[in-house]
C-alpha cells in the first residue's frame, strides 16, 4: 500500500521561509516523478513543482526562484523549501507521486495517482 504522509507547513509572515516534507512508504521515490500541488479557497488545484527520476525539476512560473523541490532517497521523501513567501502562496499544499516510473514531472494532476493528506500554509502580509 502506497502512502504519502506530509509534514511541515503553518503560518508565517510575508518574506519568511517554510519547508514541507512528504514521506513515502510502499514505493521508492527515486523511481517515480514526485510533485507538489496547492489549492487556494475557491480555486482549482495547481501545480507548484516537480522532480523526475533523473532529478529533472520543473516549477510553476509563480514560484520559480523562490521554491526548491528536492528528494532524499535515503529517507524516501520529497521536500519543498519555500522562501520569500507571499500572501498569494497561502493554500493547502499536496504532494503527489506519478503512477508510472521513470517519467519527468508534468503539471497535469491526472498522472499522479498517489496523494498526501494536504498541509495548510498561510502567509500574512
N, C-alpha and C. Protein backbone atom coordinates (compact mmCIF):
# COMPACT_ATOMS: atom_id res chain seq x y z
N UNK A 1 0.84 -1.18 0.00
CA UNK A 1 0.00 0.00 0.00
C UNK A 1 0.88 1.24 0.00
N UNK A 2 0.63 2.14 -0.93
CA UNK A 2 1.41 3.36 -1.05
C UNK A 2 0.78 4.44 -0.17
N UNK A 3 1.62 5.07 0.63
CA UNK A 3 1.15 6.16 1.47
C UNK A 3 2.11 7.34 1.38
N UNK A 4 1.54 8.52 1.31
CA UNK A 4 2.31 9.76 1.32
C UNK A 4 1.86 10.54 2.55
N UNK A 5 2.79 10.79 3.44
CA UNK A 5 2.48 11.48 4.68
C UNK A 5 3.25 12.79 4.73
N UNK A 6 2.51 13.87 4.79
CA UNK A 6 3.11 15.19 4.76
C UNK A 6 3.36 15.73 6.16
N UNK A 7 4.36 16.59 6.25
CA UNK A 7 4.63 17.30 7.50
C UNK A 7 5.15 18.69 7.14
N UNK A 8 5.14 19.56 8.13
CA UNK A 8 5.56 20.93 7.90
C UNK A 8 4.36 21.83 7.72
N UNK A 9 4.62 22.99 7.18
CA UNK A 9 3.55 23.94 6.97
C UNK A 9 3.32 24.80 8.20
N UNK A 10 2.31 25.65 8.13
CA UNK A 10 1.98 26.52 9.25
C UNK A 10 1.71 27.93 8.79
N UNK A 11 1.79 28.86 9.74
CA UNK A 11 1.50 30.26 9.45
C UNK A 11 2.77 31.10 9.60
N UNK A 12 3.06 31.91 8.60
CA UNK A 12 4.25 32.74 8.61
C UNK A 12 3.91 34.13 8.07
N UNK A 13 4.89 35.01 8.17
CA UNK A 13 4.76 36.35 7.62
C UNK A 13 5.33 36.38 6.21
N UNK A 14 4.87 37.33 5.43
CA UNK A 14 5.41 37.51 4.09
C UNK A 14 6.92 37.73 4.16
N UNK A 15 7.62 37.06 3.25
CA UNK A 15 9.07 37.16 3.24
C UNK A 15 9.77 36.04 3.99
N UNK A 16 9.02 35.31 4.81
CA UNK A 16 9.59 34.21 5.58
C UNK A 16 9.78 32.97 4.70
N UNK A 17 10.42 31.99 5.30
CA UNK A 17 10.63 30.71 4.63
C UNK A 17 9.94 29.60 5.39
N UNK A 18 9.65 28.52 4.68
CA UNK A 18 8.95 27.37 5.27
C UNK A 18 9.27 26.15 4.43
N UNK A 19 9.33 25.01 5.09
CA UNK A 19 9.58 23.77 4.35
C UNK A 19 8.48 22.76 4.60
N UNK A 20 8.17 22.03 3.56
CA UNK A 20 7.22 20.91 3.63
C UNK A 20 7.96 19.62 3.31
N UNK A 21 7.53 18.56 3.93
CA UNK A 21 8.13 17.26 3.66
C UNK A 21 7.04 16.24 3.36
N UNK A 22 7.39 15.27 2.55
CA UNK A 22 6.44 14.22 2.15
C UNK A 22 7.18 12.89 2.22
N UNK A 23 6.84 12.10 3.21
CA UNK A 23 7.45 10.78 3.38
C UNK A 23 6.61 9.73 2.68
N UNK A 24 7.25 8.91 1.87
CA UNK A 24 6.54 7.92 1.07
C UNK A 24 6.84 6.52 1.58
N UNK A 25 5.83 5.72 1.69
CA UNK A 25 6.00 4.31 2.01
C UNK A 25 5.31 3.48 0.95
N UNK A 26 5.87 2.31 0.67
CA UNK A 26 5.25 1.42 -0.30
C UNK A 26 5.84 1.48 -1.69
N UNK A 27 6.52 2.57 -2.02
CA UNK A 27 7.18 2.69 -3.32
C UNK A 27 8.41 3.57 -3.15
N UNK A 28 9.40 3.34 -4.00
CA UNK A 28 10.65 4.06 -3.92
C UNK A 28 10.54 5.40 -4.64
N UNK A 29 10.80 6.49 -3.93
CA UNK A 29 10.63 7.81 -4.55
C UNK A 29 11.62 8.04 -5.67
N UNK A 30 12.74 7.33 -5.67
CA UNK A 30 13.76 7.59 -6.69
C UNK A 30 13.32 7.09 -8.07
N UNK A 31 12.31 6.24 -8.12
CA UNK A 31 11.88 5.68 -9.40
C UNK A 31 10.76 6.48 -10.06
N UNK A 32 10.10 7.34 -9.32
CA UNK A 32 8.89 7.99 -9.80
C UNK A 32 8.99 9.50 -9.71
N UNK A 33 8.35 10.16 -10.66
CA UNK A 33 8.23 11.60 -10.56
C UNK A 33 7.38 11.96 -9.34
N UNK A 34 7.82 12.98 -8.63
CA UNK A 34 7.10 13.49 -7.48
C UNK A 34 6.77 14.95 -7.72
N UNK A 35 5.67 15.39 -7.17
CA UNK A 35 5.25 16.77 -7.41
C UNK A 35 4.57 17.35 -6.18
N UNK A 36 4.54 18.67 -6.16
CA UNK A 36 3.76 19.41 -5.18
C UNK A 36 2.70 20.22 -5.92
N UNK A 37 1.50 20.18 -5.39
CA UNK A 37 0.40 20.98 -5.88
C UNK A 37 -0.12 21.83 -4.73
N UNK A 38 -0.94 22.81 -5.04
CA UNK A 38 -1.58 23.60 -3.99
C UNK A 38 -2.96 24.02 -4.45
N UNK A 39 -3.80 24.26 -3.45
CA UNK A 39 -5.16 24.70 -3.74
C UNK A 39 -5.56 25.78 -2.76
N UNK A 40 -5.93 26.94 -3.31
CA UNK A 40 -6.41 28.06 -2.51
C UNK A 40 -7.93 28.02 -2.49
N UNK A 41 -8.56 28.63 -1.50
CA UNK A 41 -10.03 28.63 -1.43
C UNK A 41 -10.64 29.21 -2.70
N UNK A 42 -11.58 28.49 -3.26
CA UNK A 42 -12.27 28.96 -4.45
C UNK A 42 -11.51 28.79 -5.75
N UNK A 43 -10.34 28.19 -5.67
CA UNK A 43 -9.54 27.99 -6.87
C UNK A 43 -9.29 26.51 -7.11
N UNK A 44 -8.94 26.17 -8.34
CA UNK A 44 -8.60 24.80 -8.66
C UNK A 44 -7.18 24.50 -8.17
N UNK A 45 -6.95 23.22 -7.96
CA UNK A 45 -5.61 22.80 -7.55
C UNK A 45 -4.64 23.08 -8.68
N UNK A 46 -3.46 23.59 -8.33
CA UNK A 46 -2.47 23.94 -9.35
C UNK A 46 -1.11 23.33 -9.04
N UNK A 47 -0.38 23.07 -10.09
CA UNK A 47 0.96 22.52 -9.99
C UNK A 47 1.91 23.57 -9.44
N UNK A 48 2.81 23.12 -8.55
CA UNK A 48 3.79 24.02 -7.97
C UNK A 48 5.21 23.65 -8.42
N UNK A 49 5.56 22.38 -8.23
CA UNK A 49 6.92 21.94 -8.56
C UNK A 49 6.93 20.43 -8.71
N UNK A 50 7.91 19.94 -9.48
CA UNK A 50 8.03 18.51 -9.67
C UNK A 50 9.47 18.11 -9.87
N UNK A 51 9.77 16.85 -9.53
CA UNK A 51 11.12 16.31 -9.71
C UNK A 51 11.01 14.92 -10.30
N UNK A 52 11.82 14.66 -11.32
CA UNK A 52 11.77 13.38 -12.01
C UNK A 52 12.85 12.43 -11.54
N UNK A 53 12.82 11.24 -12.11
CA UNK A 53 13.77 10.22 -11.70
C UNK A 53 15.21 10.65 -11.96
N UNK A 54 15.44 11.38 -13.03
CA UNK A 54 16.78 11.86 -13.36
C UNK A 54 17.10 13.16 -12.66
N UNK A 55 16.31 13.50 -11.64
CA UNK A 55 16.45 14.75 -10.89
C UNK A 55 16.14 15.98 -11.73
N UNK A 56 15.48 15.80 -12.84
CA UNK A 56 14.99 16.96 -13.58
C UNK A 56 13.91 17.63 -12.74
N UNK A 57 13.92 18.93 -12.72
CA UNK A 57 12.95 19.67 -11.92
C UNK A 57 12.22 20.66 -12.80
N UNK A 58 11.02 20.97 -12.40
CA UNK A 58 10.23 21.97 -13.09
C UNK A 58 9.39 22.71 -12.06
N UNK A 59 9.16 23.98 -12.31
CA UNK A 59 8.44 24.83 -11.38
C UNK A 59 7.38 25.64 -12.11
N UNK A 60 6.33 25.96 -11.39
CA UNK A 60 5.38 26.93 -11.89
C UNK A 60 6.06 28.29 -11.92
N UNK A 61 5.69 29.10 -12.88
CA UNK A 61 6.31 30.42 -13.01
C UNK A 61 6.15 31.25 -11.75
N UNK A 62 5.05 31.06 -11.06
CA UNK A 62 4.74 31.87 -9.88
C UNK A 62 5.68 31.60 -8.71
N UNK A 63 6.36 30.45 -8.73
CA UNK A 63 7.24 30.12 -7.60
C UNK A 63 8.69 29.98 -8.01
N UNK A 64 8.96 30.08 -9.29
CA UNK A 64 10.33 29.90 -9.80
C UNK A 64 11.28 30.91 -9.14
N UNK A 65 12.40 30.41 -8.66
CA UNK A 65 13.36 31.28 -7.98
C UNK A 65 13.10 31.44 -6.50
N UNK A 66 11.93 31.00 -6.03
CA UNK A 66 11.62 31.12 -4.59
C UNK A 66 11.45 29.76 -3.92
N UNK A 67 10.96 28.79 -4.67
CA UNK A 67 10.72 27.45 -4.12
C UNK A 67 11.75 26.47 -4.69
N UNK A 68 12.11 25.48 -3.88
CA UNK A 68 13.04 24.45 -4.31
C UNK A 68 12.50 23.08 -3.92
N UNK A 69 12.37 22.20 -4.88
CA UNK A 69 11.96 20.84 -4.61
C UNK A 69 13.20 19.95 -4.57
N UNK A 70 13.21 19.02 -3.63
CA UNK A 70 14.35 18.12 -3.53
C UNK A 70 13.87 16.74 -3.08
N UNK A 71 14.72 15.78 -3.28
CA UNK A 71 14.37 14.40 -2.94
C UNK A 71 15.49 13.81 -2.09
N UNK A 72 15.11 13.10 -1.04
CA UNK A 72 16.06 12.41 -0.17
C UNK A 72 15.79 10.92 -0.32
N UNK A 73 16.61 10.27 -1.13
CA UNK A 73 16.37 8.85 -1.40
C UNK A 73 16.56 7.99 -0.15
N UNK A 74 17.48 8.40 0.72
CA UNK A 74 17.72 7.62 1.93
C UNK A 74 16.50 7.62 2.85
N UNK A 75 15.78 8.74 2.88
CA UNK A 75 14.59 8.85 3.71
C UNK A 75 13.32 8.51 2.93
N UNK A 76 13.48 8.27 1.62
CA UNK A 76 12.33 8.03 0.76
C UNK A 76 11.31 9.15 0.90
N UNK A 77 11.79 10.36 0.74
CA UNK A 77 10.95 11.53 0.97
C UNK A 77 11.27 12.63 -0.04
N UNK A 78 10.34 13.53 -0.18
CA UNK A 78 10.49 14.70 -1.02
C UNK A 78 10.16 15.92 -0.19
N UNK A 79 10.88 17.00 -0.43
CA UNK A 79 10.66 18.23 0.32
C UNK A 79 10.42 19.39 -0.62
N UNK A 80 9.78 20.39 -0.08
CA UNK A 80 9.58 21.65 -0.80
C UNK A 80 10.01 22.76 0.13
N UNK A 81 11.10 23.44 -0.23
CA UNK A 81 11.55 24.56 0.56
C UNK A 81 11.04 25.83 -0.10
N UNK A 82 10.30 26.62 0.67
CA UNK A 82 9.67 27.83 0.16
C UNK A 82 10.29 29.04 0.83
N UNK A 83 10.80 29.96 0.03
CA UNK A 83 11.39 31.18 0.57
C UNK A 83 10.68 32.39 -0.02
N UNK A 84 10.92 33.51 0.60
CA UNK A 84 10.30 34.77 0.16
C UNK A 84 8.80 34.57 -0.07
N UNK A 85 8.16 33.99 0.90
CA UNK A 85 6.74 33.67 0.76
C UNK A 85 5.89 34.93 0.65
N UNK A 86 4.82 34.79 -0.12
CA UNK A 86 3.90 35.89 -0.37
C UNK A 86 2.51 35.48 0.11
N UNK A 87 1.65 36.44 0.40
CA UNK A 87 0.28 36.08 0.80
C UNK A 87 -0.43 35.21 -0.23
N UNK A 88 -0.12 35.41 -1.50
CA UNK A 88 -0.76 34.61 -2.53
C UNK A 88 -0.28 33.16 -2.57
N UNK A 89 0.74 32.83 -1.77
CA UNK A 89 1.16 31.44 -1.63
C UNK A 89 0.30 30.68 -0.63
N UNK A 90 -0.59 31.38 0.04
CA UNK A 90 -1.48 30.74 1.00
C UNK A 90 -2.34 29.70 0.30
N UNK A 91 -2.29 28.47 0.80
CA UNK A 91 -3.02 27.38 0.17
C UNK A 91 -2.82 26.10 0.98
N UNK A 92 -3.59 25.10 0.62
CA UNK A 92 -3.30 23.75 1.10
C UNK A 92 -2.38 23.11 0.08
N UNK A 93 -1.27 22.60 0.55
CA UNK A 93 -0.27 22.01 -0.32
C UNK A 93 -0.34 20.49 -0.25
N UNK A 94 -0.23 19.86 -1.42
CA UNK A 94 -0.30 18.41 -1.53
C UNK A 94 0.93 17.87 -2.25
N UNK A 95 1.49 16.78 -1.76
CA UNK A 95 2.50 16.08 -2.53
C UNK A 95 1.82 14.95 -3.29
N UNK A 96 2.43 14.54 -4.38
CA UNK A 96 1.84 13.52 -5.24
C UNK A 96 2.93 12.72 -5.93
N UNK A 97 2.60 11.48 -6.26
CA UNK A 97 3.53 10.59 -6.94
C UNK A 97 2.92 10.04 -8.21
N UNK A 98 3.73 10.06 -9.27
CA UNK A 98 3.31 9.53 -10.56
C UNK A 98 3.00 8.04 -10.45
N UNK A 99 2.04 7.59 -11.23
CA UNK A 99 1.69 6.18 -11.19
C UNK A 99 2.76 5.33 -11.87
N UNK A 100 3.30 5.84 -12.99
CA UNK A 100 4.29 5.08 -13.74
C UNK A 100 5.69 5.55 -13.42
N UNK A 101 6.65 4.63 -13.44
CA UNK A 101 8.04 5.01 -13.11
C UNK A 101 8.76 5.65 -14.28
N UNK A 102 9.82 6.39 -13.96
CA UNK A 102 10.77 6.84 -14.96
C UNK A 102 10.41 8.06 -15.76
N UNK A 103 9.32 8.70 -15.46
CA UNK A 103 8.90 9.85 -16.26
C UNK A 103 9.36 11.16 -15.64
N UNK A 104 9.39 12.19 -16.46
CA UNK A 104 9.63 13.53 -15.95
C UNK A 104 8.34 14.07 -15.35
N UNK A 105 8.46 14.97 -14.41
CA UNK A 105 7.24 15.51 -13.79
C UNK A 105 6.49 16.40 -14.77
N UNK A 106 5.18 16.35 -14.67
CA UNK A 106 4.34 17.20 -15.50
C UNK A 106 3.35 17.94 -14.62
N UNK A 107 2.74 18.96 -15.19
CA UNK A 107 1.84 19.80 -14.41
C UNK A 107 0.44 19.21 -14.27
N UNK A 108 0.10 18.26 -15.12
CA UNK A 108 -1.23 17.68 -15.07
C UNK A 108 -1.37 16.74 -13.89
N UNK A 109 -2.35 16.97 -13.06
CA UNK A 109 -2.52 16.12 -11.88
C UNK A 109 -3.06 14.75 -12.24
N UNK A 110 -3.49 14.56 -13.46
CA UNK A 110 -4.07 13.28 -13.86
C UNK A 110 -3.06 12.13 -13.81
N UNK A 111 -1.77 12.43 -13.93
CA UNK A 111 -0.78 11.35 -13.95
C UNK A 111 -0.40 10.90 -12.55
N UNK A 112 -0.83 11.65 -11.56
CA UNK A 112 -0.43 11.37 -10.18
C UNK A 112 -1.56 10.60 -9.49
N UNK A 113 -1.27 9.38 -9.15
CA UNK A 113 -2.30 8.53 -8.55
C UNK A 113 -2.27 8.50 -7.03
N UNK A 114 -1.15 8.93 -6.46
CA UNK A 114 -1.00 8.84 -5.01
C UNK A 114 -0.77 10.25 -4.46
N UNK A 115 -1.52 10.56 -3.40
CA UNK A 115 -1.53 11.92 -2.87
C UNK A 115 -1.35 11.92 -1.36
N UNK A 116 -0.68 12.99 -0.89
CA UNK A 116 -0.60 13.21 0.54
C UNK A 116 -1.91 13.78 1.06
N UNK A 117 -1.95 13.97 2.37
CA UNK A 117 -3.20 14.39 3.02
C UNK A 117 -3.44 15.89 2.94
N UNK A 118 -2.44 16.64 2.53
CA UNK A 118 -2.59 18.08 2.45
C UNK A 118 -2.07 18.78 3.69
N UNK A 119 -1.45 19.93 3.50
CA UNK A 119 -0.89 20.72 4.60
C UNK A 119 -1.18 22.19 4.35
N UNK A 120 -1.69 22.86 5.36
CA UNK A 120 -2.03 24.27 5.22
C UNK A 120 -0.78 25.14 5.36
N UNK A 121 -0.63 26.06 4.43
CA UNK A 121 0.39 27.10 4.51
C UNK A 121 -0.34 28.44 4.43
N UNK A 122 -0.14 29.26 5.44
CA UNK A 122 -0.80 30.57 5.49
C UNK A 122 0.27 31.65 5.61
N UNK A 123 0.21 32.62 4.71
CA UNK A 123 1.18 33.70 4.68
C UNK A 123 0.45 35.01 4.86
N UNK A 124 0.78 35.73 5.89
CA UNK A 124 0.12 37.01 6.16
C UNK A 124 1.04 38.16 5.76
N UNK A 125 0.42 39.24 5.38
CA UNK A 125 1.18 40.41 4.89
C UNK A 125 1.63 41.29 6.04
